[in-house]
N, C-alpha and C. Protein backbone atom coordinates (compact mmCIF):
# COMPACT_ATOMS: atom_id res chain seq x y z
N UNK A 1 8.00 14.84 -17.72
CA UNK A 1 7.30 13.93 -17.56
C UNK A 1 7.60 12.98 -16.53
N UNK A 2 6.53 12.59 -15.68
CA UNK A 2 6.55 11.66 -14.28
C UNK A 2 7.37 10.40 -14.05
N UNK A 3 8.04 10.44 -13.38
CA UNK A 3 8.73 8.92 -13.03
C UNK A 3 7.55 7.80 -13.42
N UNK A 4 8.08 6.86 -13.77
CA UNK A 4 7.10 5.65 -14.28
C UNK A 4 6.97 4.48 -12.84
N UNK A 5 8.62 4.64 -12.54
CA UNK A 5 8.87 3.61 -11.34
C UNK A 5 9.37 4.67 -10.37
N UNK A 6 8.76 4.78 -9.20
CA UNK A 6 9.49 5.44 -8.34
C UNK A 6 9.89 4.19 -6.94
N UNK A 7 11.05 4.53 -6.60
CA UNK A 7 11.72 3.44 -5.60
C UNK A 7 11.41 4.00 -4.06
N UNK A 8 12.03 3.48 -3.33
CA UNK A 8 12.02 3.82 -1.54
C UNK A 8 12.50 5.02 -1.56
N UNK A 9 13.68 5.14 -2.08
CA UNK A 9 14.41 6.45 -1.96
C UNK A 9 14.00 7.61 -2.68
N UNK A 10 13.35 7.64 -3.63
CA UNK A 10 12.31 8.46 -4.45
C UNK A 10 11.33 9.10 -3.34
N UNK A 11 10.48 8.25 -2.51
CA UNK A 11 9.67 8.32 -1.89
C UNK A 11 10.16 8.84 -0.53
N UNK A 12 11.31 8.52 -0.01
CA UNK A 12 11.79 9.05 1.07
C UNK A 12 12.09 10.92 0.85
N UNK A 13 12.91 10.74 -0.21
CA UNK A 13 13.10 12.31 -0.68
C UNK A 13 11.63 13.13 -0.81
N UNK A 14 10.76 12.37 -1.43
CA UNK A 14 9.19 13.37 -1.31
C UNK A 14 8.77 13.64 -0.15
N UNK A 15 8.80 12.57 0.91
CA UNK A 15 8.41 12.70 2.04
C UNK A 15 9.01 13.71 3.18
N UNK A 16 10.55 13.63 2.53
CA UNK A 16 10.99 14.66 3.39
C UNK A 16 10.85 16.18 2.81
N UNK A 17 10.87 16.34 1.65
CA UNK A 17 10.30 17.50 1.06
C UNK A 17 8.89 17.94 1.54
N UNK A 18 8.14 17.18 1.38
CA UNK A 18 6.71 17.32 2.16
C UNK A 18 6.92 17.72 3.21
N UNK A 19 7.55 17.26 4.20
CA UNK A 19 7.63 17.70 5.52
C UNK A 19 8.07 19.18 5.61
N UNK A 20 9.26 19.25 5.10
CA UNK A 20 10.01 20.72 5.08
C UNK A 20 8.62 21.77 5.10
N UNK A 21 8.11 21.41 3.68
CA UNK A 21 7.13 22.21 3.33
C UNK A 21 5.74 22.57 4.33
N UNK A 22 5.36 21.42 4.82
CA UNK A 22 4.61 21.25 6.04
C UNK A 22 4.79 21.90 7.04
N UNK A 23 6.02 22.04 7.70
CA UNK A 23 6.65 22.42 8.78
C UNK A 23 6.49 23.87 8.77
N UNK A 24 7.15 24.34 7.60
CA UNK A 24 6.89 25.89 7.21
C UNK A 24 5.84 26.42 7.25
N UNK A 25 4.73 25.80 6.96
CA UNK A 25 3.54 26.48 6.79
C UNK A 25 2.47 25.95 7.85
N UNK A 26 3.18 25.30 9.00
CA UNK A 26 2.53 24.85 10.28
C UNK A 26 1.77 23.86 10.19
N UNK A 27 1.47 23.02 9.36
CA UNK A 27 0.62 22.01 9.05
C UNK A 27 0.74 20.59 9.36
N UNK A 28 0.17 19.91 9.63
CA UNK A 28 0.43 18.23 10.01
C UNK A 28 -0.50 17.22 9.16
N UNK A 29 -0.11 16.15 8.99
CA UNK A 29 -0.57 15.51 8.11
C UNK A 29 -0.54 13.99 8.73
N UNK A 30 -1.25 13.14 8.34
CA UNK A 30 -1.57 11.66 8.79
C UNK A 30 -1.34 11.12 7.74
N UNK A 31 -0.42 10.00 7.49
CA UNK A 31 -0.42 9.04 6.30
C UNK A 31 -0.61 7.81 6.87
N UNK A 32 -1.51 6.87 6.22
CA UNK A 32 -1.81 5.63 6.87
C UNK A 32 -1.45 4.62 5.25
N UNK A 33 -0.16 4.25 5.17
CA UNK A 33 0.03 3.61 4.10
C UNK A 33 0.04 2.14 3.84
N UNK A 34 -0.64 2.22 2.27
CA UNK A 34 -1.25 0.60 2.19
C UNK A 34 -0.56 0.54 0.68
N UNK A 35 -0.76 -0.69 0.25
CA UNK A 35 -0.46 -0.64 -1.46
C UNK A 35 1.16 -0.77 -1.65
N UNK A 36 1.65 -0.02 -2.50
CA UNK A 36 2.91 -0.05 -3.29
C UNK A 36 4.05 0.31 -2.39
N UNK A 37 3.70 1.40 -1.94
CA UNK A 37 4.85 2.41 -0.90
C UNK A 37 4.99 1.40 0.58
N UNK A 38 3.82 0.91 0.83
CA UNK A 38 4.00 0.07 2.08
C UNK A 38 4.73 -1.44 1.68
N UNK A 39 4.69 -1.96 0.52
CA UNK A 39 5.22 -2.85 0.28
C UNK A 39 6.58 -2.90 -0.20
N UNK A 40 6.88 -1.57 -0.47
CA UNK A 40 8.15 -1.25 -0.95
C UNK A 40 9.20 -0.95 0.66
N UNK A 41 8.40 -0.50 1.19
CA UNK A 41 8.97 0.09 2.58
C UNK A 41 9.54 -1.32 3.46
N UNK A 42 8.49 -2.04 3.16
CA UNK A 42 8.68 -3.64 4.10
C UNK A 42 9.76 -4.56 3.26
N UNK A 43 10.05 -4.12 1.93
CA UNK A 43 10.79 -5.06 1.29
C UNK A 43 10.10 -6.15 1.01
N UNK A 44 8.78 -6.01 0.59
CA UNK A 44 7.81 -7.17 -0.01
C UNK A 44 7.51 -6.93 -1.68
N UNK A 45 7.93 -6.00 -1.99
CA UNK A 45 7.61 -5.59 -3.43
C UNK A 45 8.69 -6.19 -4.25
N UNK A 46 8.96 -7.20 -5.30
CA UNK A 46 10.14 -8.10 -5.58
C UNK A 46 11.00 -7.01 -6.62
N UNK A 47 10.39 -6.27 -7.25
CA UNK A 47 10.95 -5.47 -8.43
C UNK A 47 11.27 -4.21 -7.76
N UNK A 48 10.50 -3.45 -6.72
CA UNK A 48 11.25 -2.32 -5.88
C UNK A 48 10.77 -1.27 -6.31
N UNK A 49 9.46 -1.06 -7.08
CA UNK A 49 9.02 -0.06 -7.47
C UNK A 49 7.28 0.27 -7.82
N UNK A 50 7.00 1.26 -7.46
CA UNK A 50 5.55 1.63 -7.61
C UNK A 50 5.32 2.85 -8.10
N UNK A 51 4.56 3.43 -8.35
CA UNK A 51 4.06 4.90 -8.94
C UNK A 51 3.68 6.10 -7.97
N UNK A 52 2.87 5.37 -6.70
CA UNK A 52 2.15 6.37 -5.92
C UNK A 52 2.10 5.69 -4.28
N UNK A 53 2.12 6.29 -3.45
CA UNK A 53 1.90 5.96 -2.01
C UNK A 53 0.60 6.02 -1.80
N UNK A 54 -0.13 5.34 -1.58
CA UNK A 54 -1.91 5.25 -1.36
C UNK A 54 -1.97 5.43 0.53
N UNK A 55 -2.81 6.24 0.64
CA UNK A 55 -2.96 6.39 2.08
C UNK A 55 -4.46 6.17 2.36
N UNK A 56 -4.94 5.67 3.61
CA UNK A 56 -6.38 5.30 3.68
C UNK A 56 -6.81 6.31 4.85
N UNK A 57 -6.58 7.60 4.45
CA UNK A 57 -7.02 8.77 5.24
C UNK A 57 -8.24 9.91 4.51
N UNK A 58 -8.79 10.17 5.12
CA UNK A 58 -9.80 11.30 4.57
C UNK A 58 -9.14 12.06 3.74
N UNK A 59 -9.76 12.93 3.30
CA UNK A 59 -9.47 13.85 2.01
C UNK A 59 -8.40 14.90 3.00
N UNK A 60 -7.18 15.54 1.97
CA UNK A 60 -6.44 16.39 3.03
C UNK A 60 -7.02 17.50 2.68
N UNK A 61 -6.91 18.98 3.33
CA UNK A 61 -7.33 20.03 3.00
C UNK A 61 -6.65 20.45 1.30
N UNK A 62 -7.32 21.35 0.74
CA UNK A 62 -6.83 21.86 -0.31
C UNK A 62 -5.52 22.36 -0.43
N UNK A 63 -5.07 22.90 0.77
CA UNK A 63 -3.50 23.65 0.57
C UNK A 63 -2.44 22.40 0.57
N UNK A 64 -2.84 21.35 1.64
CA UNK A 64 -2.08 20.17 1.64
C UNK A 64 -2.01 19.62 0.06
N UNK A 65 -3.16 19.52 -0.59
CA UNK A 65 -3.16 19.05 -1.72
C UNK A 65 -2.36 19.74 -2.77
N UNK A 66 -2.41 20.97 -2.63
CA UNK A 66 -1.48 21.75 -3.64
C UNK A 66 0.06 21.52 -3.36
N UNK A 67 0.22 21.38 -2.09
CA UNK A 67 1.87 21.04 -1.49
C UNK A 67 2.27 20.04 -2.34
N UNK A 68 1.45 19.07 -2.13
CA UNK A 68 1.52 17.48 -2.81
C UNK A 68 2.02 17.59 -4.13
N UNK A 69 1.20 18.44 -4.76
CA UNK A 69 1.40 19.02 -6.19
C UNK A 69 2.72 19.39 -6.54
N UNK A 70 2.97 20.32 -5.56
CA UNK A 70 4.20 21.18 -5.79
C UNK A 70 5.48 19.86 -5.68
N UNK A 71 5.59 19.15 -4.74
CA UNK A 71 6.64 18.26 -4.60
C UNK A 71 6.80 17.21 -5.78
N UNK A 72 5.53 16.92 -6.28
CA UNK A 72 5.54 16.32 -7.39
C UNK A 72 6.10 16.94 -8.58
N UNK A 73 6.06 18.09 -8.90
CA UNK A 73 6.15 18.93 -9.60
C UNK A 73 8.01 19.00 -9.35
N UNK A 74 8.42 19.38 -8.52
CA UNK A 74 10.18 19.43 -8.11
C UNK A 74 10.58 18.19 -8.48
N UNK A 75 10.15 17.37 -8.07
CA UNK A 75 10.74 15.64 -7.89
C UNK A 75 10.44 14.90 -9.08
N UNK A 76 9.67 15.11 -10.37
CA UNK A 76 9.24 14.66 -11.29
C UNK A 76 8.41 13.55 -11.04
N UNK A 77 7.39 13.68 -10.17
CA UNK A 77 6.53 12.58 -9.79
C UNK A 77 5.48 12.75 -10.14
N UNK A 78 4.72 11.72 -10.30
CA UNK A 78 3.09 12.12 -10.71
C UNK A 78 2.26 12.83 -9.80
N UNK A 79 1.24 13.37 -10.22
CA UNK A 79 0.74 14.68 -9.58
C UNK A 79 0.04 13.95 -8.43
N UNK A 80 -0.21 12.93 -8.29
CA UNK A 80 -1.13 12.44 -6.95
C UNK A 80 -0.27 11.02 -6.70
N UNK A 81 1.39 11.55 -6.28
CA UNK A 81 1.94 10.36 -5.93
C UNK A 81 1.71 10.30 -4.31
N UNK A 82 0.99 10.94 -3.73
CA UNK A 82 0.42 10.68 -2.46
C UNK A 82 -1.31 10.87 -2.76
N UNK A 83 -1.86 9.82 -2.56
CA UNK A 83 -3.43 9.98 -2.54
C UNK A 83 -4.02 8.89 -1.75
N UNK A 84 -5.37 9.25 -1.64
CA UNK A 84 -6.23 8.29 -0.82
C UNK A 84 -7.40 7.76 -1.96
N UNK A 85 -6.93 7.51 -2.97
CA UNK A 85 -7.93 7.15 -3.80
C UNK A 85 -8.47 5.50 -3.18
N UNK A 86 -7.70 4.72 -2.63
CA UNK A 86 -8.18 3.63 -2.07
C UNK A 86 -9.10 3.56 -0.75
N UNK A 87 -9.02 4.56 -0.29
CA UNK A 87 -9.84 5.04 0.74
C UNK A 87 -11.31 5.10 0.35
N UNK A 88 -11.82 5.22 -0.38
CA UNK A 88 -13.16 5.09 -1.35
C UNK A 88 -13.43 3.76 -1.79
N UNK A 89 -12.37 2.65 -1.93
CA UNK A 89 -13.02 1.46 -2.58
C UNK A 89 -13.43 0.45 -1.58
N UNK A 90 -14.78 -0.08 -2.16
CA UNK A 90 -15.28 -1.12 -1.14
C UNK A 90 -14.43 -2.27 -0.47
N UNK A 91 -13.72 -2.65 -1.12
CA UNK A 91 -12.87 -3.63 -0.57
C UNK A 91 -11.75 -3.49 0.36
N UNK A 92 -11.81 -2.02 0.43
CA UNK A 92 -10.79 -1.19 1.49
C UNK A 92 -11.50 -0.43 2.25
N UNK A 93 -12.40 0.20 2.37
CA UNK A 93 -13.49 0.75 3.11
C UNK A 93 -13.96 -0.08 4.27
N UNK A 94 -14.52 -1.03 3.72
CA UNK A 94 -14.93 -1.95 4.45
C UNK A 94 -14.23 -2.79 5.89
N UNK A 95 -12.82 -2.65 5.60
CA UNK A 95 -12.11 -2.88 6.53
C UNK A 95 -11.17 -2.08 7.12
N UNK A 96 -11.21 -0.71 6.82
CA UNK A 96 -10.38 -0.03 7.28
C UNK A 96 -10.14 0.01 9.03
N UNK A 97 -11.36 -0.24 9.60
CA UNK A 97 -11.35 -0.57 11.13
C UNK A 97 -10.69 -1.72 11.86
N UNK A 98 -10.28 -2.51 10.74
CA UNK A 98 -9.73 -3.84 11.14
C UNK A 98 -8.27 -3.76 11.11
N UNK A 99 -7.43 -3.00 10.07
CA UNK A 99 -6.76 -2.51 9.85
C UNK A 99 -5.60 -2.35 11.07
N UNK A 100 -4.26 -2.58 11.13
CA UNK A 100 -3.15 -2.60 12.40
C UNK A 100 -2.48 -1.84 11.80
N UNK A 101 -1.55 -0.86 12.23
CA UNK A 101 -0.67 0.13 11.79
C UNK A 101 0.58 -0.20 12.82
N UNK A 102 1.53 0.70 12.14
CA UNK A 102 3.07 0.54 12.80
C UNK A 102 3.47 1.83 12.31
N UNK A 103 3.96 2.95 13.47
CA UNK A 103 4.32 4.15 13.12
C UNK A 103 5.87 3.95 12.74
N UNK A 104 6.29 4.81 11.39
CA UNK A 104 7.52 4.73 11.14
C UNK A 104 8.12 5.96 10.70
N UNK A 105 9.11 6.17 10.48
CA UNK A 105 9.52 7.56 10.16
C UNK A 105 9.99 8.49 11.18
N UNK A 106 10.72 9.43 10.86
CA UNK A 106 10.94 10.45 11.68
C UNK A 106 10.82 12.02 11.41
N UNK A 107 9.52 12.22 10.69
CA UNK A 107 9.01 13.41 10.22
C UNK A 107 8.32 14.04 11.05
N UNK A 108 8.69 15.33 11.36
CA UNK A 108 8.14 16.37 12.49
C UNK A 108 6.49 16.66 11.93
N UNK A 109 6.16 16.71 10.75
CA UNK A 109 4.73 17.09 10.71
C UNK A 109 4.10 16.07 9.99
N UNK A 110 4.55 14.93 9.76
CA UNK A 110 3.79 13.83 9.17
C UNK A 110 3.68 12.58 9.91
N UNK A 111 2.72 12.16 10.49
CA UNK A 111 2.78 11.19 10.92
C UNK A 111 2.59 10.04 9.95
N UNK A 112 3.47 9.10 10.36
CA UNK A 112 3.52 8.12 9.02
C UNK A 112 3.56 6.76 9.82
N UNK A 113 2.51 6.02 9.08
CA UNK A 113 1.84 4.96 9.76
C UNK A 113 1.80 3.91 8.45
N UNK A 114 2.39 2.77 8.58
CA UNK A 114 2.31 1.47 7.76
C UNK A 114 1.55 0.28 7.89
N UNK A 115 0.79 -0.34 7.03
CA UNK A 115 -0.38 -1.24 7.67
C UNK A 115 0.69 -2.62 7.66
N UNK A 116 0.36 -3.04 8.77
CA UNK A 116 1.43 -4.25 9.14
C UNK A 116 0.79 -5.44 8.18
N UNK A 117 1.81 -6.46 8.40
CA UNK A 117 2.10 -7.61 7.46
C UNK A 117 0.61 -8.23 7.36
N UNK A 118 0.09 -8.77 8.29
CA UNK A 118 -1.35 -9.20 8.41
C UNK A 118 -2.46 -8.22 7.64
N UNK A 119 -2.20 -7.02 7.96
CA UNK A 119 -2.95 -6.13 7.32
C UNK A 119 -2.94 -6.06 5.83
N UNK A 120 -1.60 -5.77 4.90
CA UNK A 120 -1.56 -5.81 3.62
C UNK A 120 -1.65 -7.25 3.00
N UNK A 121 -1.65 -8.29 3.77
CA UNK A 121 -2.38 -9.72 3.17
C UNK A 121 -3.91 -9.59 3.15
N UNK A 122 -4.70 -8.96 4.13
CA UNK A 122 -5.95 -8.96 4.10
C UNK A 122 -6.34 -7.75 2.91
N UNK A 123 -5.55 -6.76 2.68
CA UNK A 123 -5.79 -5.78 1.73
C UNK A 123 -5.75 -6.52 0.35
N UNK A 124 -4.41 -7.38 0.24
CA UNK A 124 -4.03 -7.85 -1.24
C UNK A 124 -5.28 -8.92 -1.61
N UNK A 125 -5.79 -9.84 -0.22
CA UNK A 125 -6.51 -10.67 -0.65
C UNK A 125 -7.75 -10.13 -1.14
N UNK A 126 -8.37 -9.05 -0.43
CA UNK A 126 -9.70 -8.46 -0.90
C UNK A 126 -9.62 -7.62 -2.11
N UNK A 127 -8.35 -7.30 -2.64
CA UNK A 127 -7.85 -6.52 -3.98
C UNK A 127 -8.45 -7.61 -5.04
N UNK A 128 -7.68 -8.74 -4.81
CA UNK A 128 -8.00 -9.92 -5.76
C UNK A 128 -9.25 -10.54 -5.88
N UNK A 129 -9.91 -10.61 -4.75
CA UNK A 129 -11.27 -10.89 -4.72
C UNK A 129 -12.17 -9.84 -5.54
N UNK A 130 -12.19 -8.56 -5.21
CA UNK A 130 -12.85 -7.39 -5.62
C UNK A 130 -12.57 -7.18 -7.12
N UNK A 131 -11.58 -7.57 -7.54
CA UNK A 131 -11.08 -7.44 -9.02
C UNK A 131 -11.79 -8.54 -9.72
N UNK A 132 -12.51 -9.43 -9.02
CA UNK A 132 -13.33 -10.53 -9.88
C UNK A 132 -12.57 -11.48 -10.79
N UNK A 133 -12.72 -11.67 -12.08
CA UNK A 133 -11.76 -12.74 -12.91
C UNK A 133 -10.57 -12.04 -13.16
N UNK A 134 -10.60 -10.71 -13.35
CA UNK A 134 -9.57 -9.98 -13.69
C UNK A 134 -8.53 -9.11 -12.94
N UNK A 135 -8.36 -9.54 -11.66
CA UNK A 135 -7.59 -8.55 -10.73
C UNK A 135 -6.48 -8.12 -11.32
N UNK A 136 -5.75 -6.90 -10.73
CA UNK A 136 -4.38 -6.14 -11.24
C UNK A 136 -3.34 -7.30 -10.83
N UNK A 137 -2.22 -7.75 -11.66
CA UNK A 137 -1.57 -8.51 -11.74
C UNK A 137 -0.44 -7.70 -10.51
N UNK A 138 -0.13 -6.80 -10.30
CA UNK A 138 0.35 -6.17 -9.21
C UNK A 138 0.02 -6.92 -7.74
N UNK A 139 -1.54 -6.83 -7.83
CA UNK A 139 -1.90 -7.42 -6.59
C UNK A 139 -1.99 -9.05 -6.34
N UNK A 140 -1.78 -9.75 -7.48
CA UNK A 140 -1.54 -11.14 -7.34
C UNK A 140 -0.02 -11.30 -7.14
N UNK A 141 1.09 -10.63 -7.81
CA UNK A 141 2.46 -10.72 -7.22
C UNK A 141 2.83 -10.37 -6.02
N UNK A 142 2.14 -9.19 -5.28
CA UNK A 142 2.25 -8.79 -4.11
C UNK A 142 1.43 -9.81 -3.02
N UNK A 143 0.69 -10.35 -3.50
CA UNK A 143 0.02 -11.50 -2.47
C UNK A 143 1.02 -12.86 -2.55
N UNK A 144 1.45 -12.99 -3.52
CA UNK A 144 2.65 -14.22 -3.34
C UNK A 144 3.79 -13.82 -2.86
N UNK A 145 4.21 -12.57 -3.09
CA UNK A 145 5.52 -11.94 -2.15
C UNK A 145 5.16 -11.96 -0.33
N UNK A 146 4.09 -11.68 0.00
CA UNK A 146 3.73 -11.90 1.18
C UNK A 146 3.73 -12.99 1.83
N UNK A 147 3.05 -13.95 0.89
CA UNK A 147 2.94 -15.42 1.42
C UNK A 147 4.53 -15.94 1.37
N UNK A 148 5.22 -15.76 0.56
CA UNK A 148 6.57 -16.20 0.71
C UNK A 148 7.38 -15.82 1.98
N UNK A 149 7.30 -14.54 1.88
CA UNK A 149 7.98 -14.00 3.06
C UNK A 149 7.21 -14.49 4.71
N UNK A 150 6.10 -14.83 4.69
CA UNK A 150 5.44 -15.62 5.60
C UNK A 150 6.07 -17.25 5.80
N UNK A 151 6.70 -17.55 4.39
CA UNK A 151 7.08 -18.96 4.94
C UNK A 151 6.14 -19.94 4.22
N UNK A 152 4.97 -19.50 3.47
CA UNK A 152 4.03 -20.01 2.82
C UNK A 152 4.15 -20.24 1.50
N UNK A 153 4.17 -21.29 0.72
CA UNK A 153 4.32 -21.55 -0.52
C UNK A 153 3.49 -22.33 -1.29
N UNK A 154 2.42 -22.80 -0.64
CA UNK A 154 1.77 -23.95 -1.23
C UNK A 154 0.25 -23.47 -0.80
N UNK A 155 -1.08 -23.92 -1.48
CA UNK A 155 -2.39 -23.57 -0.93
C UNK A 155 -2.45 -24.29 0.34
N UNK A 156 -2.08 -25.68 0.06
CA UNK A 156 -2.21 -26.35 1.73
C UNK A 156 -1.71 -25.53 2.67
N UNK A 157 -0.56 -25.28 2.60
CA UNK A 157 -0.29 -24.22 3.87
C UNK A 157 -1.08 -23.25 4.31
N UNK A 158 -1.60 -22.49 2.81
CA UNK A 158 -2.70 -21.42 3.16
C UNK A 158 -3.60 -21.94 4.04
N UNK A 159 -4.10 -23.14 3.60
CA UNK A 159 -5.49 -23.63 4.55
C UNK A 159 -5.24 -23.92 5.79
N UNK A 160 -4.07 -24.37 5.99
CA UNK A 160 -3.74 -24.85 7.54
C UNK A 160 -3.04 -23.95 8.22
N UNK A 161 -2.83 -22.53 7.93
CA UNK A 161 -1.85 -21.54 8.67
C UNK A 161 -2.93 -20.64 9.46
N UNK A 162 -2.90 -20.63 10.77
CA UNK A 162 -4.17 -19.64 11.13
C UNK A 162 -4.17 -18.45 10.46
N UNK A 163 -3.27 -17.95 10.17
CA UNK A 163 -2.97 -16.54 9.60
C UNK A 163 -3.42 -16.15 8.32
N UNK A 164 -3.49 -17.53 7.73
CA UNK A 164 -3.77 -17.25 6.31
C UNK A 164 -5.24 -17.90 5.97
N UNK A 165 -5.64 -18.92 7.19
CA UNK A 165 -6.79 -19.58 6.36
C UNK A 165 -8.04 -18.89 5.94
N UNK A 166 -8.29 -17.41 6.52
CA UNK A 166 -9.28 -16.76 6.15
C UNK A 166 -9.31 -16.53 4.75
N UNK A 167 -8.26 -16.90 3.72
CA UNK A 167 -8.35 -16.72 2.53
C UNK A 167 -9.31 -17.59 1.99
N UNK A 168 -10.05 -18.92 2.52
CA UNK A 168 -10.57 -19.54 1.64
C UNK A 168 -12.08 -19.07 1.83
N UNK A 169 -12.30 -17.96 2.41
CA UNK A 169 -13.64 -17.19 2.25
C UNK A 169 -13.59 -16.48 0.95
N UNK A 170 -12.34 -16.02 0.44
CA UNK A 170 -12.51 -15.35 -0.68
C UNK A 170 -12.21 -16.31 -1.94
N UNK A 171 -12.98 -16.70 -2.85
CA UNK A 171 -13.48 -17.32 -3.80
C UNK A 171 -12.46 -17.24 -5.06
N UNK A 172 -12.34 -15.91 -5.42
CA UNK A 172 -11.48 -15.47 -6.67
C UNK A 172 -10.02 -15.61 -6.39
N UNK A 173 -9.57 -15.12 -5.20
CA UNK A 173 -8.26 -15.16 -4.35
C UNK A 173 -8.00 -16.69 -4.30
N UNK A 174 -8.75 -17.69 -3.79
CA UNK A 174 -8.41 -18.90 -3.32
C UNK A 174 -8.12 -19.73 -4.78
N UNK A 175 -9.08 -19.23 -5.61
CA UNK A 175 -8.86 -19.75 -7.07
C UNK A 175 -7.31 -19.95 -7.76
N UNK A 176 -7.46 -18.02 -7.76
CA UNK A 176 -5.91 -18.00 -8.00
C UNK A 176 -4.87 -18.51 -7.40
N UNK A 177 -4.82 -18.89 -6.48
CA UNK A 177 -3.67 -19.75 -5.65
C UNK A 177 -3.77 -21.15 -5.88
N UNK A 178 -5.14 -21.62 -6.19
CA UNK A 178 -5.07 -23.19 -6.33
C UNK A 178 -4.52 -23.50 -7.81
N UNK A 179 -4.79 -22.36 -8.92
CA UNK A 179 -4.37 -22.38 -10.14
C UNK A 179 -2.48 -22.31 -10.06
N UNK A 180 -2.10 -21.40 -9.26
CA UNK A 180 -0.61 -21.51 -8.84
C UNK A 180 0.04 -22.63 -8.39
N UNK A 181 -0.51 -23.32 -7.46
CA UNK A 181 -0.24 -24.29 -6.87
C UNK A 181 0.99 -24.11 -5.87
N UNK A 182 1.82 -23.96 -6.16
CA UNK A 182 3.16 -23.47 -5.57
C UNK A 182 3.71 -22.27 -6.12
N UNK A 183 4.54 -21.13 -5.48
CA UNK A 183 5.01 -20.25 -5.91
C UNK A 183 6.55 -19.91 -5.15
């Protein structure tokens, strides 16, 4: 049975193993990480776990997908521990060209890029808004963690801060923050 909670060390091990296999097969990939893995890497996910690493890259060749599954079996991870499901979501696809990336890691055959803090904030705001009246609870807690990290802990600060006032354009998200009042 695959692990339900994968921590940063588990992901590092998985990416190392993936890189080794890619290297042996003379293959290269790019990972543009958003979501749980990016939150973990940046220390923004309070409880320190997720199930997968979401990338906003086009589909990998079938050979790469099979290697990802091989790593999953070897390390007891979910089969799609590295996936691009988010790439197709309207709330993500519509802003991919607006996201900024930081290259991290030291993998010879994986170009590892993480969404920067402002990009993660935008993605979480859009995920909450795109989820309508019942967005995923992880998106809500992730948003609060990002805002806390930025030193913003109430709606008034969200509205006044140049980096966060765009949230006012997202009704469901703003309503959620107004209900919280402080965090």
